[in-house]
Amino acid sequence: MVVGRPSVGAEVIEFENEIFDSIALKTLLTNDSVKEILPVGSKGINTELQMMMQEKKITYDLIEDIPLDLEKSCGPSTSAIVIIKSKEILKMNIPVYKIGNIL
């Protein structure tokens, strides 16, 4: 999953109610379904995801038609990659996007 709207520059102000922040982090840290949290910065989701999965030796499959640009900078950590338990649903007050499955 990706939590928060990837934003950079003026978008951070424009979408301030949709970005990953300390409140979202606290919510995730208290959720038993959450296994991993990785804030995403200027390298973008795809780069951070690949590094995370390679480090943890995890195989994954991206879904088709992801509604995000995985290469876009997420500026000052406006989004986070979140791994949750299988078949769990993540409910947040900011956008949550499913981007793939762990194999």
PDB file of N, CA and C in Angstrom:
ATOM      1  N   MET A   1       0.836  -1.170   0.000  1.00  0.00           N
ATOM      2  CA  MET A   1       0.000   0.000   0.000  1.00  0.00           C
ATOM      3  C   MET A   1       0.886   1.240   0.000  1.00  0.00           C
ATOM      4  N   VAL A   2       0.323   2.318  -0.518  1.00  0.00           N
ATOM      5  CA  VAL A   2       0.928   3.634  -0.358  1.00  0.00           C
ATOM      6  C   VAL A   2      -0.086   4.469   0.399  1.00  0.00           C
ATOM      7  N   VAL A   3       0.368   5.090   1.465  1.00  0.00           N
ATOM      8  CA  VAL A   3      -0.492   5.941   2.282  1.00  0.00           C
ATOM      9  C   VAL A   3      -0.063   7.381   2.062  1.00  0.00           C
ATOM     10  N   GLY A   4      -1.014   8.226   1.733  1.00  0.00           N
ATOM     11  CA  GLY A   4      -0.745   9.640   1.485  1.00  0.00           C
ATOM     12  C   GLY A   4      -0.572   9.932   0.009  1.00  0.00           C
ATOM     13  N   ARG A   5      -0.898  11.136  -0.371  1.00  0.00           N
ATOM     14  CA  ARG A   5      -0.804  11.560  -1.768  1.00  0.00           C
ATOM     15  C   ARG A   5       0.619  12.024  -2.082  1.00  0.00           C
ATOM     16  N   PRO A   6       1.295  11.373  -3.021  1.00  0.00           N
ATOM     17  CA  PRO A   6       2.634  11.828  -3.394  1.00  0.00           C
ATOM     18  C   PRO A   6       2.587  13.274  -3.879  1.00  0.00           C
ATOM     19  N   SER A   7       3.345  14.130  -3.225  1.00  0.00           N
ATOM     20  CA  SER A   7       3.314  15.558  -3.546  1.00  0.00           C
ATOM     21  C   SER A   7       4.713  16.143  -3.455  1.00  0.00           C
ATOM     22  N   VAL A   8       4.925  17.187  -4.228  1.00  0.00           N
ATOM     23  CA  VAL A   8       6.212  17.881  -4.217  1.00  0.00           C
ATOM     24  C   VAL A   8       5.957  19.357  -4.497  1.00  0.00           C
ATOM     25  N   GLY A   9       6.795  20.216  -3.964  1.00  0.00           N
ATOM     26  CA  GLY A   9       6.673  21.655  -4.198  1.00  0.00           C
ATOM     27  C   GLY A   9       5.369  22.217  -3.672  1.00  0.00           C
ATOM     28  N   ALA A  10       4.706  23.016  -4.493  1.00  0.00           N
ATOM     29  CA  ALA A  10       3.455  23.672  -4.105  1.00  0.00           C
ATOM     30  C   ALA A  10       2.335  22.679  -3.807  1.00  0.00           C
ATOM     31  N   GLU A  11       2.443  21.456  -4.336  1.00  0.00           N
ATOM     32  CA  GLU A  11       1.423  20.430  -4.072  1.00  0.00           C
ATOM     33  C   GLU A  11       1.342  20.085  -2.584  1.00  0.00           C
ATOM     34  N   VAL A  12       2.452  20.230  -1.878  1.00  0.00           N
ATOM     35  CA  VAL A  12       2.470  19.916  -0.450  1.00  0.00           C
ATOM     36  C   VAL A  12       1.469  20.809   0.289  1.00  0.00           C
ATOM     37  N   ILE A  13       1.393  22.046  -0.111  1.00  0.00           N
ATOM     38  CA  ILE A  13       0.426  22.981   0.498  1.00  0.00           C
ATOM     39  C   ILE A  13      -0.962  22.730  -0.072  1.00  0.00           C
ATOM     40  N   GLU A  14      -1.048  22.548  -1.380  1.00  0.00           N
ATOM     41  CA  GLU A  14      -2.342  22.342  -2.032  1.00  0.00           C
ATOM     42  C   GLU A  14      -3.071  21.104  -1.501  1.00  0.00           C
ATOM     43  N   PHE A  15      -2.336  20.039  -1.229  1.00  0.00           N
ATOM     44  CA  PHE A  15      -2.936  18.782  -0.778  1.00  0.00           C
ATOM     45  C   PHE A  15      -2.558  18.452   0.667  1.00  0.00           C
ATOM     46  N   GLU A  16      -2.378  19.461   1.486  1.00  0.00           N
ATOM     47  CA  GLU A  16      -1.882  19.249   2.854  1.00  0.00           C
ATOM     48  C   GLU A  16      -2.732  18.282   3.678  1.00  0.00           C
ATOM     49  N   ASN A  17      -4.018  18.181   3.386  1.00  0.00           N
ATOM     50  CA  ASN A  17      -4.887  17.258   4.125  1.00  0.00           C
ATOM     51  C   ASN A  17      -4.836  15.828   3.596  1.00  0.00           C
ATOM     52  N   GLU A  18      -4.024  15.589   2.560  1.00  0.00           N
ATOM     53  CA  GLU A  18      -3.937  14.273   1.945  1.00  0.00           C
ATOM     54  C   GLU A  18      -2.536  13.670   2.025  1.00  0.00           C
ATOM     55  N   ILE A  19      -1.602  14.371   2.656  1.00  0.00           N
ATOM     56  CA  ILE A  19      -0.230  13.860   2.693  1.00  0.00           C
ATOM     57  C   ILE A  19       0.063  13.099   3.989  1.00  0.00           C
ATOM     58  N   PHE A  20       1.055  12.228   3.913  1.00  0.00           N
ATOM     59  CA  PHE A  20       1.513  11.455   5.056  1.00  0.00           C
ATOM     60  C   PHE A  20       2.145  12.412   6.059  1.00  0.00           C
ATOM     61  N   ASP A  21       1.746  12.287   7.318  1.00  0.00           N
ATOM     62  CA  ASP A  21       2.274  13.172   8.354  1.00  0.00           C
ATOM     63  C   ASP A  21       2.422  12.398   9.662  1.00  0.00           C
ATOM     64  N   SER A  22       2.779  13.087  10.722  1.00  0.00           N
ATOM     65  CA  SER A  22       3.009  12.416  12.005  1.00  0.00           C
ATOM     66  C   SER A  22       1.737  11.781  12.559  1.00  0.00           C
ATOM     67  N   ILE A  23       0.591  12.351  12.268  1.00  0.00           N
ATOM     68  CA  ILE A  23      -0.676  11.763  12.726  1.00  0.00           C
ATOM     69  C   ILE A  23      -0.914  10.430  12.020  1.00  0.00           C
ATOM     70  N   ALA A  24      -0.666  10.400  10.714  1.00  0.00           N
ATOM     71  CA  ALA A  24      -0.814   9.154   9.948  1.00  0.00           C
ATOM     72  C   ALA A  24       0.190   8.115  10.445  1.00  0.00           C
ATOM     73  N   LEU A  25       1.417   8.536  10.728  1.00  0.00           N
ATOM     74  CA  LEU A  25       2.425   7.617  11.233  1.00  0.00           C
ATOM     75  C   LEU A  25       1.992   7.012  12.573  1.00  0.00           C
ATOM     76  N   LYS A  26       1.492   7.837  13.459  1.00  0.00           N
ATOM     77  CA  LYS A  26       1.031   7.345  14.761  1.00  0.00           C
ATOM     78  C   LYS A  26      -0.108   6.336  14.587  1.00  0.00           C
ATOM     79  N   THR A  27      -1.034   6.624  13.681  1.00  0.00           N
ATOM     80  CA  THR A  27      -2.144   5.713  13.404  1.00  0.00           C
ATOM     81  C   THR A  27      -1.619   4.370  12.910  1.00  0.00           C
ATOM     82  N   LEU A  28      -0.658   4.394  12.002  1.00  0.00           N
ATOM     83  CA  LEU A  28      -0.095   3.160  11.460  1.00  0.00           C
ATOM     84  C   LEU A  28       0.668   2.377  12.527  1.00  0.00           C
ATOM     85  N   LEU A  29       1.389   3.076  13.375  1.00  0.00           N
ATOM     86  CA  LEU A  29       2.179   2.405  14.412  1.00  0.00           C
ATOM     87  C   LEU A  29       1.317   1.686  15.437  1.00  0.00           C
ATOM     88  N   THR A  30       0.074   2.107  15.579  1.00  0.00           N
ATOM     89  CA  THR A  30      -0.824   1.467  16.548  1.00  0.00           C
ATOM     90  C   THR A  30      -1.754   0.443  15.907  1.00  0.00           C
ATOM     91  N   ASN A  31      -1.570   0.177  14.608  1.00  0.00           N
ATOM     92  CA  ASN A  31      -2.403  -0.764  13.881  1.00  0.00           C
ATOM     93  C   ASN A  31      -1.713  -2.130  13.813  1.00  0.00           C
ATOM     94  N   ASP A  32      -2.318  -3.146  14.385  1.00  0.00           N
ATOM     95  CA  ASP A  32      -1.729  -4.493  14.413  1.00  0.00           C
ATOM     96  C   ASP A  32      -1.573  -5.126  13.033  1.00  0.00           C
ATOM     97  N   SER A  33      -2.287  -4.623  12.040  1.00  0.00           N
ATOM     98  CA  SER A  33      -2.198  -5.175  10.685  1.00  0.00           C
ATOM     99  C   SER A  33      -0.938  -4.718   9.960  1.00  0.00           C
ATOM    100  N   VAL A  34      -0.330  -3.656  10.427  1.00  0.00           N
ATOM    101  CA  VAL A  34       0.828  -3.061   9.754  1.00  0.00           C
ATOM    102  C   VAL A  34       2.102  -3.815  10.122  1.00  0.00           C
ATOM    103  N   LYS A  35       2.827  -4.257   9.073  1.00  0.00           N
ATOM    104  CA  LYS A  35       4.074  -4.997   9.272  1.00  0.00           C
ATOM    105  C   LYS A  35       5.306  -4.121   9.042  1.00  0.00           C
ATOM    106  N   GLU A  36       5.233  -3.202   8.083  1.00  0.00           N
ATOM    107  CA  GLU A  36       6.372  -2.338   7.736  1.00  0.00           C
ATOM    108  C   GLU A  36       5.852  -0.971   7.301  1.00  0.00           C
ATOM    109  N   ILE A  37       6.636   0.076   7.599  1.00  0.00           N
ATOM    110  CA  ILE A  37       6.329   1.439   7.162  1.00  0.00           C
ATOM    111  C   ILE A  37       7.625   2.045   6.644  1.00  0.00           C
ATOM    112  N   LEU A  38       7.588   2.592   5.433  1.00  0.00           N
ATOM    113  CA  LEU A  38       8.758   3.259   4.870  1.00  0.00           C
ATOM    114  C   LEU A  38       8.325   4.589   4.255  1.00  0.00           C
ATOM    115  N   PRO A  39       8.643   5.708   4.905  1.00  0.00           N
ATOM    116  CA  PRO A  39       8.338   7.009   4.308  1.00  0.00           C
ATOM    117  C   PRO A  39       9.077   7.156   2.975  1.00  0.00           C
ATOM    118  N   VAL A  40       8.406   7.735   1.989  1.00  0.00           N
ATOM    119  CA  VAL A  40       8.977   7.907   0.658  1.00  0.00           C
ATOM    120  C   VAL A  40       9.294   9.379   0.441  1.00  0.00           C
ATOM    121  N   GLY A  41      10.489   9.634  -0.039  1.00  0.00           N
ATOM    122  CA  GLY A  41      10.913  11.005  -0.285  1.00  0.00           C
ATOM    123  C   GLY A  41      11.116  11.294  -1.753  1.00  0.00           C
ATOM    124  N   SER A  42      12.186  12.017  -2.041  1.00  0.00           N
ATOM    125  CA  SER A  42      12.408  12.531  -3.392  1.00  0.00           C
ATOM    126  C   SER A  42      12.731  11.465  -4.430  1.00  0.00           C
ATOM    127  N   LYS A  43      13.137  10.272  -4.009  1.00  0.00           N
ATOM    128  CA  LYS A  43      13.470   9.215  -4.977  1.00  0.00           C
ATOM    129  C   LYS A  43      12.235   8.590  -5.601  1.00  0.00           C
ATOM    130  N   GLY A  44      11.095   8.771  -4.980  1.00  0.00           N
ATOM    131  CA  GLY A  44       9.858   8.219  -5.511  1.00  0.00           C
ATOM    132  C   GLY A  44       9.546   6.828  -4.975  1.00  0.00           C
ATOM    133  N   ILE A  45       8.313   6.426  -5.182  1.00  0.00           N
ATOM    134  CA  ILE A  45       7.804   5.162  -4.644  1.00  0.00           C
ATOM    135  C   ILE A  45       8.539   3.959  -5.224  1.00  0.00           C
ATOM    136  N   ASN A  46       8.709   3.921  -6.536  1.00  0.00           N
ATOM    137  CA  ASN A  46       9.298   2.747  -7.175  1.00  0.00           C
ATOM    138  C   ASN A  46      10.711   2.479  -6.675  1.00  0.00           C
ATOM    139  N   THR A  47      11.536   3.490  -6.596  1.00  0.00           N
ATOM    140  CA  THR A  47      12.909   3.314  -6.132  1.00  0.00           C
ATOM    141  C   THR A  47      12.934   2.826  -4.688  1.00  0.00           C
ATOM    142  N   GLU A  48      12.155   3.463  -3.832  1.00  0.00           N
ATOM    143  CA  GLU A  48      12.109   3.073  -2.421  1.00  0.00           C
ATOM    144  C   GLU A  48      11.557   1.657  -2.253  1.00  0.00           C
ATOM    145  N   LEU A  49      10.526   1.324  -3.035  1.00  0.00           N
ATOM    146  CA  LEU A  49       9.925  -0.003  -2.971  1.00  0.00           C
ATOM    147  C   LEU A  49      10.933  -1.077  -3.375  1.00  0.00           C
ATOM    148  N   GLN A  50      11.632  -0.848  -4.479  1.00  0.00           N
ATOM    149  CA  GLN A  50      12.623  -1.820  -4.938  1.00  0.00           C
ATOM    150  C   GLN A  50      13.723  -2.026  -3.903  1.00  0.00           C
ATOM    151  N   MET A  51      14.219  -0.929  -3.312  1.00  0.00           N
ATOM    152  CA  MET A  51      15.273  -1.042  -2.306  1.00  0.00           C
ATOM    153  C   MET A  51      14.772  -1.776  -1.062  1.00  0.00           C
ATOM    154  N   MET A  52      13.554  -1.477  -0.639  1.00  0.00           N
ATOM    155  CA  MET A  52      12.975  -2.121   0.542  1.00  0.00           C
ATOM    156  C   MET A  52      12.817  -3.626   0.320  1.00  0.00           C
ATOM    157  N   MET A  53      12.263  -3.994  -0.821  1.00  0.00           N
ATOM    158  CA  MET A  53      12.010  -5.405  -1.103  1.00  0.00           C
ATOM    159  C   MET A  53      13.309  -6.179  -1.307  1.00  0.00           C
ATOM    160  N   GLN A  54      14.297  -5.549  -1.917  1.00  0.00           N
ATOM    161  CA  GLN A  54      15.590  -6.203  -2.114  1.00  0.00           C
ATOM    162  C   GLN A  54      16.277  -6.418  -0.765  1.00  0.00           C
ATOM    163  N   GLU A  55      16.241  -5.411   0.094  1.00  0.00           N
ATOM    164  CA  GLU A  55      16.863  -5.518   1.416  1.00  0.00           C
ATOM    165  C   GLU A  55      16.229  -6.621   2.253  1.00  0.00           C
ATOM    166  N   LYS A  56      14.907  -6.762   2.166  1.00  0.00           N
ATOM    167  CA  LYS A  56      14.188  -7.746   2.964  1.00  0.00           C
ATOM    168  C   LYS A  56      14.040  -9.085   2.241  1.00  0.00           C
ATOM    169  N   LYS A  57      14.564  -9.136   0.999  1.00  0.00           N
ATOM    170  CA  LYS A  57      14.479 -10.350   0.181  1.00  0.00           C
ATOM    171  C   LYS A  57      13.033 -10.812   0.007  1.00  0.00           C
ATOM    172  N   ILE A  58      12.180  -9.847  -0.343  1.00  0.00           N
ATOM    173  CA  ILE A  58      10.751 -10.098  -0.555  1.00  0.00           C
ATOM    174  C   ILE A  58      10.441  -9.997  -2.040  1.00  0.00           C
ATOM    175  N   THR A  59       9.677 -10.951  -2.550  1.00  0.00           N
ATOM    176  CA  THR A  59       9.209 -10.913  -3.928  1.00  0.00           C
ATOM    177  C   THR A  59       7.805 -10.319  -3.935  1.00  0.00           C
ATOM    178  N   TYR A  60       7.544  -9.434  -4.887  1.00  0.00           N
ATOM    179  CA  TYR A  60       6.248  -8.771  -4.958  1.00  0.00           C
ATOM    180  C   TYR A  60       5.800  -8.631  -6.400  1.00  0.00           C
ATOM    181  N   ASP A  61       4.533  -8.347  -6.548  1.00  0.00           N
ATOM    182  CA  ASP A  61       3.935  -8.173  -7.865  1.00  0.00           C
ATOM    183  C   ASP A  61       3.095  -6.905  -7.833  1.00  0.00           C
ATOM    184  N   LEU A  62       3.390  -5.956  -8.711  1.00  0.00           N
ATOM    185  CA  LEU A  62       2.592  -4.736  -8.778  1.00  0.00           C
ATOM    186  C   LEU A  62       1.276  -5.031  -9.484  1.00  0.00           C
ATOM    187  N   ILE A  63       0.211  -4.388  -9.033  1.00  0.00           N
ATOM    188  CA  ILE A  63      -1.073  -4.549  -9.698  1.00  0.00           C
ATOM    189  C   ILE A  63      -1.097  -3.698 -10.963  1.00  0.00           C
ATOM    190  N   GLU A  64      -2.025  -3.993 -11.836  1.00  0.00           N
ATOM    191  CA  GLU A  64      -2.185  -3.185 -13.048  1.00  0.00           C
ATOM    192  C   GLU A  64      -2.994  -1.938 -12.714  1.00  0.00           C
ATOM    193  N   ASP A  65      -2.828  -0.915 -13.500  1.00  0.00           N
ATOM    194  CA  ASP A  65      -3.606   0.325 -13.374  1.00  0.00           C
ATOM    195  C   ASP A  65      -3.473   0.987 -12.008  1.00  0.00           C
ATOM    196  N   ILE A  66      -2.252   1.084 -11.520  1.00  0.00           N
ATOM    197  CA  ILE A  66      -2.009   1.794 -10.261  1.00  0.00           C
ATOM    198  C   ILE A  66      -2.319   3.268 -10.503  1.00  0.00           C
ATOM    199  N   PRO A  67      -3.133   3.881  -9.631  1.00  0.00           N
ATOM    200  CA  PRO A  67      -3.550   5.267  -9.857  1.00  0.00           C
ATOM    201  C   PRO A  67      -2.513   6.310  -9.422  1.00  0.00           C
ATOM    202  N   LEU A  68      -1.246   5.914  -9.386  1.00  0.00           N
ATOM    203  CA  LEU A  68      -0.170   6.814  -8.972  1.00  0.00           C
ATOM    204  C   LEU A  68       0.980   6.746  -9.953  1.00  0.00           C
ATOM    205  N   ASP A  69       1.747   7.819 -10.019  1.00  0.00           N
ATOM    206  CA  ASP A  69       2.993   7.812 -10.768  1.00  0.00           C
ATOM    207  C   ASP A  69       4.068   7.334  -9.797  1.00  0.00           C
ATOM    208  N   LEU A  70       4.507   6.104  -9.938  1.00  0.00           N
ATOM    209  CA  LEU A  70       5.462   5.513  -9.004  1.00  0.00           C
ATOM    210  C   LEU A  70       6.858   6.122  -9.103  1.00  0.00           C
ATOM    211  N   GLU A  71       7.100   6.895 -10.156  1.00  0.00           N
ATOM    212  CA  GLU A  71       8.409   7.525 -10.344  1.00  0.00           C
ATOM    213  C   GLU A  71       8.438   8.951  -9.786  1.00  0.00           C
ATOM    214  N   LYS A  72       7.291   9.510  -9.491  1.00  0.00           N
ATOM    215  CA  LYS A  72       7.193  10.898  -9.034  1.00  0.00           C
ATOM    216  C   LYS A  72       7.849  11.088  -7.666  1.00  0.00           C
ATOM    217  N   SER A  73       8.523  12.202  -7.511  1.00  0.00           N
ATOM    218  CA  SER A  73       9.084  12.551  -6.212  1.00  0.00           C
ATOM    219  C   SER A  73       7.952  12.720  -5.207  1.00  0.00           C
ATOM    220  N   CYS A  74       8.183  12.247  -4.016  1.00  0.00           N
ATOM    221  CA  CYS A  74       7.205  12.431  -2.943  1.00  0.00           C
ATOM    222  C   CYS A  74       7.695  13.513  -1.991  1.00  0.00           C
ATOM    223  N   GLY A  75       8.534  14.390  -2.542  1.00  0.00           N
ATOM    224  CA  GLY A  75       9.012  15.556  -1.808  1.00  0.00           C
ATOM    225  C   GLY A  75       9.490  15.233  -0.411  1.00  0.00           C
ATOM    226  N   PRO A  76       9.006  15.967   0.548  1.00  0.00           N
ATOM    227  CA  PRO A  76       9.443  15.748   1.937  1.00  0.00           C
ATOM    228  C   PRO A  76       8.651  14.645   2.634  1.00  0.00           C
ATOM    229  N   SER A  77       8.758  13.429   2.129  1.00  0.00           N
ATOM    230  CA  SER A  77       8.050  12.273   2.716  1.00  0.00           C
ATOM    231  C   SER A  77       6.551  12.505   2.844  1.00  0.00           C
ATOM    232  N   THR A  78       5.919  12.798   1.718  1.00  0.00           N
ATOM    233  CA  THR A  78       4.476  13.030   1.703  1.00  0.00           C
ATOM    234  C   THR A  78       3.667  11.748   1.584  1.00  0.00           C
ATOM    235  N   SER A  79       4.349  10.628   1.360  1.00  0.00           N
ATOM    236  CA  SER A  79       3.715   9.309   1.256  1.00  0.00           C
ATOM    237  C   SER A  79       4.571   8.289   1.983  1.00  0.00           C
ATOM    238  N   ALA A  80       3.979   7.135   2.234  1.00  0.00           N
ATOM    239  CA  ALA A  80       4.739   6.042   2.841  1.00  0.00           C
ATOM    240  C   ALA A  80       4.301   4.723   2.223  1.00  0.00           C
ATOM    241  N   ILE A  81       5.259   3.832   2.033  1.00  0.00           N
ATOM    242  CA  ILE A  81       4.958   2.471   1.624  1.00  0.00           C
ATOM    243  C   ILE A  81       4.640   1.712   2.901  1.00  0.00           C
ATOM    244  N   VAL A  82       3.526   0.993   2.881  1.00  0.00           N
ATOM    245  CA  VAL A  82       3.096   0.260   4.070  1.00  0.00           C
ATOM    246  C   VAL A  82       2.790  -1.177   3.668  1.00  0.00           C
ATOM    247  N   ILE A  83       3.379  -2.107   4.391  1.00  0.00           N
ATOM    248  CA  ILE A  83       3.075  -3.522   4.186  1.00  0.00           C
ATOM    249  C   ILE A  83       2.128  -3.930   5.307  1.00  0.00           C
ATOM    250  N   ILE A  84       0.989  -4.515   4.899  1.00  0.00           N
ATOM    251  CA  ILE A  84       0.013  -4.962   5.893  1.00  0.00           C
ATOM    252  C   ILE A  84      -0.209  -6.464   5.752  1.00  0.00           C
ATOM    253  N   LYS A  85      -0.792  -7.041   6.772  1.00  0.00           N
ATOM    254  CA  LYS A  85      -1.115  -8.469   6.730  1.00  0.00           C
ATOM    255  C   LYS A  85      -2.052  -8.759   5.567  1.00  0.00           C
ATOM    256  N   SER A  86      -1.916  -9.930   5.003  1.00  0.00           N
ATOM    257  CA  SER A  86      -2.738 -10.360   3.881  1.00  0.00           C
ATOM    258  C   SER A  86      -4.233 -10.253   4.204  1.00  0.00           C
ATOM    259  N   LYS A  87      -4.984  -9.795   3.238  1.00  0.00           N
ATOM    260  CA  LYS A  87      -6.446  -9.690   3.296  1.00  0.00           C
ATOM    261  C   LYS A  87      -6.958  -8.675   4.326  1.00  0.00           C
ATOM    262  N   GLU A  88      -6.084  -7.861   4.873  1.00  0.00           N
ATOM    263  CA  GLU A  88      -6.503  -6.805   5.786  1.00  0.00           C
ATOM    264  C   GLU A  88      -6.823  -5.553   4.977  1.00  0.00           C
ATOM    265  N   ILE A  89      -7.632  -4.700   5.545  1.00  0.00           N
ATOM    266  CA  ILE A  89      -7.996  -3.430   4.915  1.00  0.00           C
ATOM    267  C   ILE A  89      -7.437  -2.316   5.781  1.00  0.00           C
ATOM    268  N   LEU A  90      -6.816  -1.345   5.144  1.00  0.00           N
ATOM    269  CA  LEU A  90      -6.230  -0.230   5.857  1.00  0.00           C
ATOM    270  C   LEU A  90      -7.124   0.991   5.676  1.00  0.00           C
ATOM    271  N   LYS A  91      -7.687   1.476   6.775  1.00  0.00           N
ATOM    272  CA  LYS A  91      -8.552   2.651   6.731  1.00  0.00           C
ATOM    273  C   LYS A  91      -7.827   3.817   7.382  1.00  0.00           C
ATOM    274  N   MET A  92      -7.738   4.911   6.631  1.00  0.00           N
ATOM    275  CA  MET A  92      -7.032   6.100   7.097  1.00  0.00           C
ATOM    276  C   MET A  92      -7.856   7.335   6.749  1.00  0.00           C
ATOM    277  N   ASN A  93      -7.464   8.468   7.307  1.00  0.00           N
ATOM    278  CA  ASN A  93      -8.111   9.747   6.985  1.00  0.00           C
ATOM    279  C   ASN A  93      -7.444  10.434   5.802  1.00  0.00           C
ATOM    280  N   ILE A  94      -6.450   9.774   5.218  1.00  0.00           N
ATOM    281  CA  ILE A  94      -5.783  10.268   4.014  1.00  0.00           C
ATOM    282  C   ILE A  94      -5.840   9.153   2.977  1.00  0.00           C
ATOM    283  N   PRO A  95      -5.555   9.469   1.711  1.00  0.00           N
ATOM    284  CA  PRO A  95      -5.662   8.439   0.672  1.00  0.00           C
ATOM    285  C   PRO A  95      -4.772   7.214   0.919  1.00  0.00           C
ATOM    286  N   VAL A  96      -5.311   6.057   0.579  1.00  0.00           N
ATOM    287  CA  VAL A  96      -4.588   4.780   0.645  1.00  0.00           C
ATOM    288  C   VAL A  96      -4.735   4.119  -0.718  1.00  0.00           C
ATOM    289  N   TYR A  97      -3.606   3.725  -1.299  1.00  0.00           N
ATOM    290  CA  TYR A  97      -3.611   3.122  -2.624  1.00  0.00           C
ATOM    291  C   TYR A  97      -2.984   1.731  -2.546  1.00  0.00           C
ATOM    292  N   LYS A  98      -3.671   0.730  -3.060  1.00  0.00           N
ATOM    293  CA  LYS A  98      -3.065  -0.597  -3.161  1.00  0.00           C
ATOM    294  C   LYS A  98      -2.208  -0.597  -4.417  1.00  0.00           C
ATOM    295  N   ILE A  99      -0.954  -0.998  -4.264  1.00  0.00           N
ATOM    296  CA  ILE A  99      -0.062  -1.001  -5.421  1.00  0.00           C
ATOM    297  C   ILE A  99       0.435  -2.396  -5.774  1.00  0.00           C
ATOM    298  N   GLY A 100       0.269  -3.367  -4.886  1.00  0.00           N
ATOM    299  CA  GLY A 100       0.755  -4.691  -5.229  1.00  0.00           C
ATOM    300  C   GLY A 100       0.513  -5.714  -4.144  1.00  0.00           C
ATOM    301  N   ASN A 101       1.072  -6.894  -4.376  1.00  0.00           N
ATOM    302  CA  ASN A 101       0.933  -8.028  -3.467  1.00  0.00           C
ATOM    303  C   ASN A 101       2.287  -8.669  -3.245  1.00  0.00           C
ATOM    304  N   ILE A 102       2.507  -9.141  -2.040  1.00  0.00           N
ATOM    305  CA  ILE A 102       3.716  -9.898  -1.743  1.00  0.00           C
ATOM    306  C   ILE A 102       3.457 -11.338  -2.163  1.00  0.00           C
ATOM    307  N   LEU A 103       4.426 -11.909  -2.843  1.00  0.00           N
ATOM    308  CA  LEU A 103       4.281 -13.287  -3.335  1.00  0.00           C
ATOM    309  C   LEU A 103       4.851 -14.282  -2.350  1.00  0.00           C
TER     310      LEU A 103
END
